[in-house]
Amino acid sequence: MELEFVPGALVVNPDEVEWGIGQVQSAVGTKVTVNFENMGKIVINTAVVHLDVIALDDLPEG
C-alpha cells in the first residue's frame, strides 16, 4: 500500500537516520520533497525509498 504524504507531515528515513527528522514540503505522485534537519531539502522517490511518518505523540519533549 502506498502512503500519501501531505505537506507539513514529519517523516524519517529509517535507512538514513542521521538525516534526522524531515518535514514534507510537497508530494506529487511518488516524488516527495522533504526538508531534513541534517541534510536539507531532498526529493525522494517513495516507490524506491521508504519513509516513516512520525506522529506528534512520538516526538521527544523539549
N, C-alpha and C. Protein backbone atom coordinates (compact mmCIF):
# COMPACT_ATOMS: atom_id res chain seq x y z
N MET A 1 0.84 -1.18 0.00
CA MET A 1 0.00 0.00 0.00
C MET A 1 0.89 1.25 0.00
N GLU A 2 0.59 2.19 -0.84
CA GLU A 2 1.37 3.42 -0.94
C GLU A 2 0.75 4.51 -0.08
N LEU A 3 1.56 5.12 0.78
CA LEU A 3 1.09 6.20 1.62
C LEU A 3 1.00 7.49 0.83
N GLU A 4 0.07 8.35 1.22
CA GLU A 4 0.02 9.68 0.65
C GLU A 4 0.64 10.63 1.65
N PHE A 5 1.65 11.35 1.22
CA PHE A 5 2.34 12.30 2.09
C PHE A 5 1.76 13.68 1.87
N VAL A 6 1.48 14.38 2.97
CA VAL A 6 0.91 15.72 2.88
C VAL A 6 1.93 16.73 3.38
N PRO A 7 1.93 17.93 2.80
CA PRO A 7 2.85 18.98 3.27
C PRO A 7 2.67 19.22 4.77
N GLY A 8 3.80 19.32 5.44
CA GLY A 8 3.80 19.55 6.89
C GLY A 8 3.98 18.28 7.69
N ALA A 9 3.75 17.12 7.08
CA ALA A 9 3.93 15.85 7.79
C ALA A 9 5.40 15.67 8.16
N LEU A 10 5.64 15.08 9.31
CA LEU A 10 7.01 14.79 9.76
C LEU A 10 7.34 13.35 9.43
N VAL A 11 8.55 13.13 8.89
CA VAL A 11 8.97 11.80 8.46
C VAL A 11 10.42 11.54 8.84
N VAL A 12 10.79 10.27 8.82
CA VAL A 12 12.19 9.88 8.92
C VAL A 12 12.45 8.82 7.86
N ASN A 13 13.70 8.76 7.42
CA ASN A 13 14.14 7.71 6.52
C ASN A 13 14.85 6.69 7.40
N PRO A 14 14.25 5.53 7.66
CA PRO A 14 14.86 4.57 8.57
C PRO A 14 16.22 4.03 8.10
N ASP A 15 16.51 4.17 6.82
CA ASP A 15 17.81 3.74 6.29
C ASP A 15 18.88 4.82 6.43
N GLU A 16 18.47 6.04 6.74
CA GLU A 16 19.39 7.18 6.86
C GLU A 16 19.02 8.01 8.10
N VAL A 17 19.05 7.38 9.27
CA VAL A 17 18.59 8.05 10.50
C VAL A 17 19.39 9.31 10.82
N GLU A 18 20.64 9.37 10.34
CA GLU A 18 21.47 10.55 10.61
C GLU A 18 20.93 11.80 9.90
N TRP A 19 20.02 11.64 8.94
CA TRP A 19 19.40 12.79 8.29
C TRP A 19 18.52 13.55 9.26
N GLY A 20 18.05 12.88 10.30
CA GLY A 20 17.16 13.49 11.28
C GLY A 20 15.71 13.49 10.81
N ILE A 21 14.92 14.27 11.49
CA ILE A 21 13.50 14.38 11.18
C ILE A 21 13.34 15.32 9.99
N GLY A 22 12.45 14.95 9.09
CA GLY A 22 12.17 15.78 7.92
C GLY A 22 10.72 16.22 7.90
N GLN A 23 10.50 17.35 7.25
CA GLN A 23 9.13 17.85 7.06
C GLN A 23 8.82 17.83 5.57
N VAL A 24 7.71 17.20 5.22
CA VAL A 24 7.30 17.13 3.83
C VAL A 24 6.96 18.53 3.34
N GLN A 25 7.57 18.92 2.21
CA GLN A 25 7.32 20.22 1.59
C GLN A 25 6.26 20.11 0.50
N SER A 26 6.36 19.02 -0.29
CA SER A 26 5.38 18.79 -1.36
C SER A 26 5.41 17.32 -1.74
N ALA A 27 4.33 16.88 -2.37
CA ALA A 27 4.24 15.49 -2.83
C ALA A 27 3.43 15.46 -4.12
N VAL A 28 4.06 14.89 -5.16
CA VAL A 28 3.39 14.71 -6.44
C VAL A 28 3.64 13.28 -6.87
N GLY A 29 2.61 12.47 -6.82
CA GLY A 29 2.78 11.05 -7.12
C GLY A 29 3.73 10.42 -6.12
N THR A 30 4.78 9.77 -6.63
CA THR A 30 5.75 9.13 -5.75
C THR A 30 6.94 10.03 -5.44
N LYS A 31 6.94 11.25 -5.96
CA LYS A 31 8.03 12.21 -5.69
C LYS A 31 7.65 13.09 -4.50
N VAL A 32 8.40 12.97 -3.41
CA VAL A 32 8.13 13.72 -2.20
C VAL A 32 9.36 14.57 -1.87
N THR A 33 9.16 15.87 -1.73
CA THR A 33 10.24 16.77 -1.34
C THR A 33 10.19 16.92 0.17
N VAL A 34 11.31 16.59 0.82
CA VAL A 34 11.39 16.62 2.27
C VAL A 34 12.56 17.50 2.69
N ASN A 35 12.35 18.34 3.67
CA ASN A 35 13.41 19.17 4.24
C ASN A 35 13.86 18.51 5.54
N PHE A 36 15.02 17.82 5.49
CA PHE A 36 15.56 17.12 6.66
C PHE A 36 16.43 18.05 7.48
N GLU A 37 16.38 17.91 8.82
CA GLU A 37 17.11 18.81 9.70
C GLU A 37 18.62 18.74 9.51
N ASN A 38 19.17 17.60 9.11
CA ASN A 38 20.62 17.46 8.97
C ASN A 38 21.10 17.31 7.53
N MET A 39 20.18 17.29 6.56
CA MET A 39 20.57 17.10 5.16
C MET A 39 20.01 18.15 4.22
N GLY A 40 19.06 18.92 4.71
CA GLY A 40 18.42 19.91 3.84
C GLY A 40 17.33 19.28 3.00
N LYS A 41 17.02 19.93 1.90
CA LYS A 41 15.89 19.54 1.06
C LYS A 41 16.32 18.45 0.08
N ILE A 42 15.55 17.37 0.06
CA ILE A 42 15.84 16.23 -0.81
C ILE A 42 14.53 15.77 -1.46
N VAL A 43 14.58 15.46 -2.76
CA VAL A 43 13.43 14.86 -3.45
C VAL A 43 13.60 13.34 -3.38
N ILE A 44 12.59 12.68 -2.86
CA ILE A 44 12.65 11.23 -2.64
C ILE A 44 11.58 10.55 -3.47
N ASN A 45 11.96 9.47 -4.12
CA ASN A 45 11.00 8.63 -4.84
C ASN A 45 10.54 7.56 -3.87
N THR A 46 9.29 7.68 -3.40
CA THR A 46 8.80 6.75 -2.39
C THR A 46 8.49 5.36 -2.96
N ALA A 47 8.60 5.21 -4.27
CA ALA A 47 8.49 3.87 -4.85
C ALA A 47 9.77 3.08 -4.60
N VAL A 48 10.86 3.81 -4.28
CA VAL A 48 12.17 3.19 -4.06
C VAL A 48 12.61 3.31 -2.61
N VAL A 49 12.36 4.47 -1.99
CA VAL A 49 12.82 4.75 -0.63
C VAL A 49 11.62 4.80 0.31
N HIS A 50 11.71 4.06 1.41
CA HIS A 50 10.64 4.03 2.40
C HIS A 50 10.82 5.16 3.40
N LEU A 51 9.75 5.90 3.67
CA LEU A 51 9.74 6.92 4.71
C LEU A 51 8.72 6.53 5.77
N ASP A 52 9.08 6.75 7.04
CA ASP A 52 8.14 6.53 8.14
C ASP A 52 7.58 7.87 8.57
N VAL A 53 6.26 7.94 8.66
CA VAL A 53 5.61 9.15 9.16
C VAL A 53 5.68 9.12 10.68
N ILE A 54 6.00 10.28 11.27
CA ILE A 54 6.11 10.40 12.72
C ILE A 54 4.86 11.09 13.24
N ALA A 55 4.24 10.47 14.23
CA ALA A 55 3.11 11.11 14.91
C ALA A 55 3.67 12.10 15.91
N LEU A 56 3.00 13.21 16.10
CA LEU A 56 3.47 14.22 17.05
C LEU A 56 3.63 13.64 18.45
N ASP A 57 2.84 12.63 18.79
CA ASP A 57 2.94 11.99 20.10
C ASP A 57 4.25 11.24 20.26
N ASP A 58 4.89 10.88 19.14
CA ASP A 58 6.14 10.11 19.17
C ASP A 58 7.38 10.98 19.33
N LEU A 59 7.23 12.30 19.19
CA LEU A 59 8.38 13.20 19.29
C LEU A 59 8.83 13.35 20.76
N PRO A 60 10.14 13.39 20.98
CA PRO A 60 10.61 13.62 22.36
C PRO A 60 10.27 15.02 22.81
N GLU A 61 9.99 15.18 24.09
CA GLU A 61 9.68 16.50 24.62
C GLU A 61 10.96 17.33 24.71
N GLY A 62 10.79 18.65 24.57
CA GLY A 62 11.94 19.52 24.69
C GLY A 62 12.31 20.06 23.40
